[in-house]
Amino acid sequence: MLAFVAPRLVLLSIPKTGTTALETALAPKAEMVLRSRPEIKHLTMSQYNLRIEPLLRNIPGPPFRVAAVVREPISWLGSWYRYRQRPQTMGKPNSTIGISFEGFVQDYLSEDRPPYAALGRQSGFLSPAPGRNGPDLLFRYEQMDEVLRFFGEALKTELTLRRVNVSPPADMTLAPDTEARLRAALAEDYALWEAAARSAP
């Protein structure tokens, strides 16, 4: 999570949405930087509402707007699958080595998920605390140039990204029935992703 005082902006860091690269580019311009440990870096909307928003509210000026980057939901899940296929995950409970994407998704959709498929939703990450507001601005991961343009203008700087934390390639074929079930299960995530195309300035 990054906070910028002058433009009154906060950027939440949803995993697998290019946030590591964005953090590298934007952190030097931020007054507040939460990073390193996942539970700190990937502060959810609800956690922001309850823990950080009250602090920022004490800084004189207009309210802070909260931005986030969301990714096409199956691509987002596939990025997790590929990330957990890295050689260093071999033998660990969260490894997907030796598991097809079809099998991974079937397990993700099951009621009793094994550790490697124990993942949430982007919509869950962005759910606000009771009585609080969700994000003000949504951007699509697939249109990262829009993210760079917006923050570059807001921070009056030129931004470039370098690729970091890149997952290995993998076959991500799904049976039609499995894909249909997955799309239905991720309906709220798809609604967010569609909203991102309309809400970004």
Protein backbone atom coordinates (compact mmCIF):
# COMPACT_ATOMS: atom_id res chain seq x y z
CA MET A 1 0.00 0.00 0.00
CA LEU A 2 1.25 3.45 -0.94
CA ALA A 3 -0.10 6.85 0.12
CA PHE A 4 0.63 10.17 -1.59
CA VAL A 5 -0.25 13.31 0.35
CA ALA A 6 -0.18 16.08 -2.28
CA PRO A 7 -2.51 14.38 -4.79
CA ARG A 8 -4.49 12.77 -1.92
CA LEU A 9 -4.16 9.28 -3.34
CA VAL A 10 -3.78 5.79 -1.91
CA LEU A 11 -2.86 2.74 -4.00
CA LEU A 12 -3.85 -0.64 -2.62
CA SER A 13 -1.78 -3.65 -3.60
CA ILE A 14 -3.84 -6.65 -4.75
CA PRO A 15 -1.47 -9.62 -5.26
CA LYS A 16 -0.79 -10.64 -8.87
CA THR A 17 -1.79 -7.32 -10.40
CA GLY A 18 1.64 -5.88 -11.15
CA THR A 19 1.88 -4.26 -7.74
CA THR A 20 5.54 -5.14 -7.14
CA ALA A 21 6.57 -3.31 -10.30
CA LEU A 22 4.27 -0.39 -9.46
CA GLU A 23 5.67 -0.21 -5.95
CA THR A 24 9.22 -0.01 -7.32
CA ALA A 25 8.25 2.87 -9.62
CA LEU A 26 6.02 4.80 -7.20
CA ALA A 27 7.47 4.24 -3.72
CA PRO A 28 10.09 7.05 -3.99
CA LYS A 29 7.22 9.53 -4.40
CA ALA A 30 5.07 8.16 -1.55
CA GLU A 31 4.84 9.53 1.99
CA MET A 32 3.59 6.20 3.33
CA VAL A 33 4.94 2.86 2.05
CA LEU A 34 3.77 -0.47 3.41
CA ARG A 35 5.73 -3.32 1.84
CA SER A 36 7.96 -6.38 2.31
CA ARG A 37 5.77 -8.73 4.38
CA PRO A 38 2.64 -9.79 2.42
CA GLU A 39 0.24 -9.05 5.29
CA ILE A 40 1.58 -5.48 5.37
CA LYS A 41 2.09 -4.84 1.67
CA HIS A 42 -1.26 -6.33 0.66
CA LEU A 43 -3.45 -4.42 3.09
CA THR A 44 -7.09 -5.04 2.13
CA MET A 45 -9.75 -2.38 1.62
CA SER A 46 -11.35 -3.25 4.95
CA GLN A 47 -8.01 -3.10 6.76
CA TYR A 48 -7.31 0.26 5.13
CA ASN A 49 -10.72 1.56 6.24
CA LEU A 50 -10.10 0.56 9.84
CA ARG A 51 -6.37 1.18 10.32
CA ILE A 52 -4.98 3.68 7.80
CA GLU A 53 -7.90 5.87 6.79
CA PRO A 54 -8.26 7.32 10.34
CA LEU A 55 -4.59 8.33 10.28
CA LEU A 56 -4.80 10.00 6.88
CA ARG A 57 -7.98 11.80 7.87
CA ASN A 58 -5.90 13.86 10.32
CA ILE A 59 -3.82 15.35 7.49
CA PRO A 60 -5.45 18.67 6.46
CA GLY A 61 -6.92 18.69 2.99
CA PRO A 62 -9.52 16.91 0.86
CA PRO A 63 -10.31 13.23 1.46
CA PHE A 64 -7.88 10.68 0.06
CA ARG A 65 -9.05 8.71 -2.94
CA VAL A 66 -8.29 4.99 -3.00
CA ALA A 67 -7.14 3.35 -6.22
CA ALA A 68 -6.57 -0.31 -7.07
CA VAL A 69 -5.57 -2.40 -10.08
CA VAL A 70 -7.72 -5.43 -10.93
CA ARG A 71 -6.92 -8.23 -13.34
CA GLU A 72 -9.08 -10.36 -15.65
CA PRO A 73 -10.18 -12.99 -13.09
CA ILE A 74 -9.10 -16.20 -14.85
CA SER A 75 -5.78 -14.60 -15.76
CA TRP A 76 -5.39 -13.57 -12.11
CA LEU A 77 -6.01 -17.11 -10.92
CA GLY A 78 -3.67 -18.44 -13.62
CA SER A 79 -0.93 -16.13 -12.39
CA TRP A 80 -1.21 -17.68 -8.93
CA TYR A 81 -1.12 -21.15 -10.48
CA ARG A 82 2.03 -20.32 -12.45
CA TYR A 83 3.66 -18.56 -9.50
CA ARG A 84 3.22 -21.70 -7.43
CA GLN A 85 4.92 -23.77 -10.14
CA ARG A 86 8.29 -22.16 -9.51
CA PRO A 87 11.05 -24.73 -8.78
CA GLN A 88 11.51 -23.34 -5.26
CA THR A 89 7.96 -24.46 -4.35
CA MET A 90 8.82 -28.13 -4.96
CA GLY A 91 7.66 -30.27 -2.04
CA LYS A 92 5.75 -27.44 -0.34
CA PRO A 93 1.99 -27.66 0.38
CA ASN A 94 1.23 -24.66 -1.84
CA SER A 95 3.12 -26.01 -4.87
CA THR A 96 1.21 -26.63 -8.11
CA ILE A 97 4.08 -28.55 -9.70
CA GLY A 98 2.66 -31.67 -11.35
CA ILE A 99 -0.92 -30.33 -11.20
CA SER A 100 -2.75 -29.23 -14.33
CA PHE A 101 -4.55 -25.89 -14.45
CA GLU A 102 -7.77 -27.85 -14.90
CA GLY A 103 -7.10 -29.75 -11.68
CA PHE A 104 -6.07 -26.57 -9.88
CA VAL A 105 -9.32 -24.83 -10.84
CA GLN A 106 -11.41 -27.87 -9.90
CA ASP A 107 -9.77 -27.78 -6.46
CA TYR A 108 -10.24 -24.02 -6.23
CA LEU A 109 -13.96 -24.52 -6.84
CA SER A 110 -14.27 -27.29 -4.27
CA GLU A 111 -15.53 -26.76 -0.72
CA ASP A 112 -12.42 -28.30 0.84
CA ARG A 113 -9.54 -26.58 -0.96
CA PRO A 114 -6.03 -28.01 -0.65
CA PRO A 115 -3.35 -25.45 0.34
CA TYR A 116 -2.20 -24.80 -3.24
CA ALA A 117 -5.74 -23.76 -4.25
CA ALA A 118 -6.59 -21.87 -1.05
CA LEU A 119 -7.01 -18.44 -2.62
CA GLY A 120 -9.60 -15.75 -2.17
CA ARG A 121 -11.09 -13.30 -4.64
CA GLN A 122 -10.11 -9.84 -5.82
CA SER A 123 -13.64 -8.77 -4.89
CA GLY A 124 -13.03 -9.98 -1.33
CA PHE A 125 -9.81 -7.97 -1.16
CA LEU A 126 -11.69 -4.81 -2.15
CA SER A 127 -14.71 -5.31 0.13
CA PRO A 128 -14.94 -2.33 2.50
CA ALA A 129 -15.44 -2.48 6.24
CA PRO A 130 -19.11 -2.23 7.32
CA GLY A 131 -20.41 1.27 6.77
CA ARG A 132 -17.29 2.35 4.86
CA ASN A 133 -16.66 3.01 1.17
CA GLY A 134 -14.83 0.83 -1.33
CA PRO A 135 -12.20 2.05 -3.81
CA ASP A 136 -12.76 5.29 -5.69
CA LEU A 137 -10.69 4.39 -8.76
CA LEU A 138 -10.22 1.04 -10.49
CA PHE A 139 -7.71 0.33 -13.23
CA ARG A 140 -7.26 -2.76 -15.38
CA TYR A 141 -3.99 -4.66 -15.11
CA GLU A 142 -4.22 -5.19 -18.87
CA GLN A 143 -4.12 -1.41 -19.37
CA MET A 144 -1.12 -0.60 -17.21
CA ASP A 145 -0.28 2.36 -19.42
CA GLU A 146 -3.40 4.05 -18.01
CA VAL A 147 -2.16 3.46 -14.46
CA LEU A 148 1.21 4.99 -15.32
CA ARG A 149 -0.39 7.93 -17.10
CA PHE A 150 -2.71 8.69 -14.18
CA PHE A 151 -0.08 8.46 -11.45
CA GLY A 152 2.52 10.18 -13.59
CA GLU A 153 0.24 13.17 -14.02
CA ALA A 154 -0.84 13.15 -10.36
CA LEU A 155 2.77 13.02 -9.14
CA LYS A 156 4.16 15.23 -11.91
CA THR A 157 6.78 12.68 -12.92
CA GLU A 158 7.55 10.26 -15.73
CA LEU A 159 7.05 6.63 -14.76
CA THR A 160 8.39 3.44 -16.29
CA LEU A 161 7.93 -0.15 -15.17
CA ARG A 162 10.42 -2.97 -15.15
CA ARG A 163 9.22 -6.57 -15.07
CA VAL A 164 9.64 -8.17 -11.67
CA ASN A 165 8.22 -11.24 -9.93
CA VAL A 166 7.41 -12.88 -13.29
CA SER A 167 5.85 -16.35 -13.11
CA PRO A 168 6.94 -19.21 -15.42
CA PRO A 169 4.78 -20.05 -18.46
CA ALA A 170 2.28 -22.92 -18.25
CA ASP A 171 -0.60 -24.52 -20.14
CA MET A 172 -3.79 -22.89 -18.86
CA THR A 173 -6.36 -24.87 -20.84
CA LEU A 174 -9.73 -25.43 -19.18
CA ALA A 175 -12.62 -27.68 -20.15
CA PRO A 176 -15.61 -25.56 -21.26
CA ASP A 177 -17.76 -26.74 -18.33
CA THR A 178 -15.00 -25.93 -15.84
CA GLU A 179 -14.47 -22.47 -17.31
CA ALA A 180 -18.22 -21.79 -17.15
CA ARG A 181 -18.32 -22.81 -13.48
CA LEU A 182 -15.29 -20.66 -12.73
CA ARG A 183 -16.73 -17.60 -14.46
CA ALA A 184 -19.95 -18.01 -12.48
CA ALA A 185 -18.00 -18.34 -9.22
CA LEU A 186 -15.99 -15.21 -10.06
CA ALA A 187 -19.01 -13.12 -11.09
CA GLU A 188 -18.24 -10.37 -8.55
CA ASP A 189 -14.64 -10.22 -9.74
CA TYR A 190 -15.77 -9.89 -13.33
CA ALA A 191 -18.13 -7.09 -12.29
CA LEU A 192 -15.18 -5.24 -10.74
CA TRP A 193 -13.05 -5.83 -13.82
CA GLU A 194 -15.81 -4.45 -16.05
CA ALA A 195 -16.24 -1.49 -13.70
CA ALA A 196 -12.52 -0.76 -14.00
CA ALA A 197 -12.97 -0.03 -17.69
CA ARG A 198 -15.53 2.66 -16.75
CA SER A 199 -14.12 4.14 -13.54
CA ALA A 200 -10.52 4.91 -14.52
CA PRO A 201 -10.08 8.60 -15.43
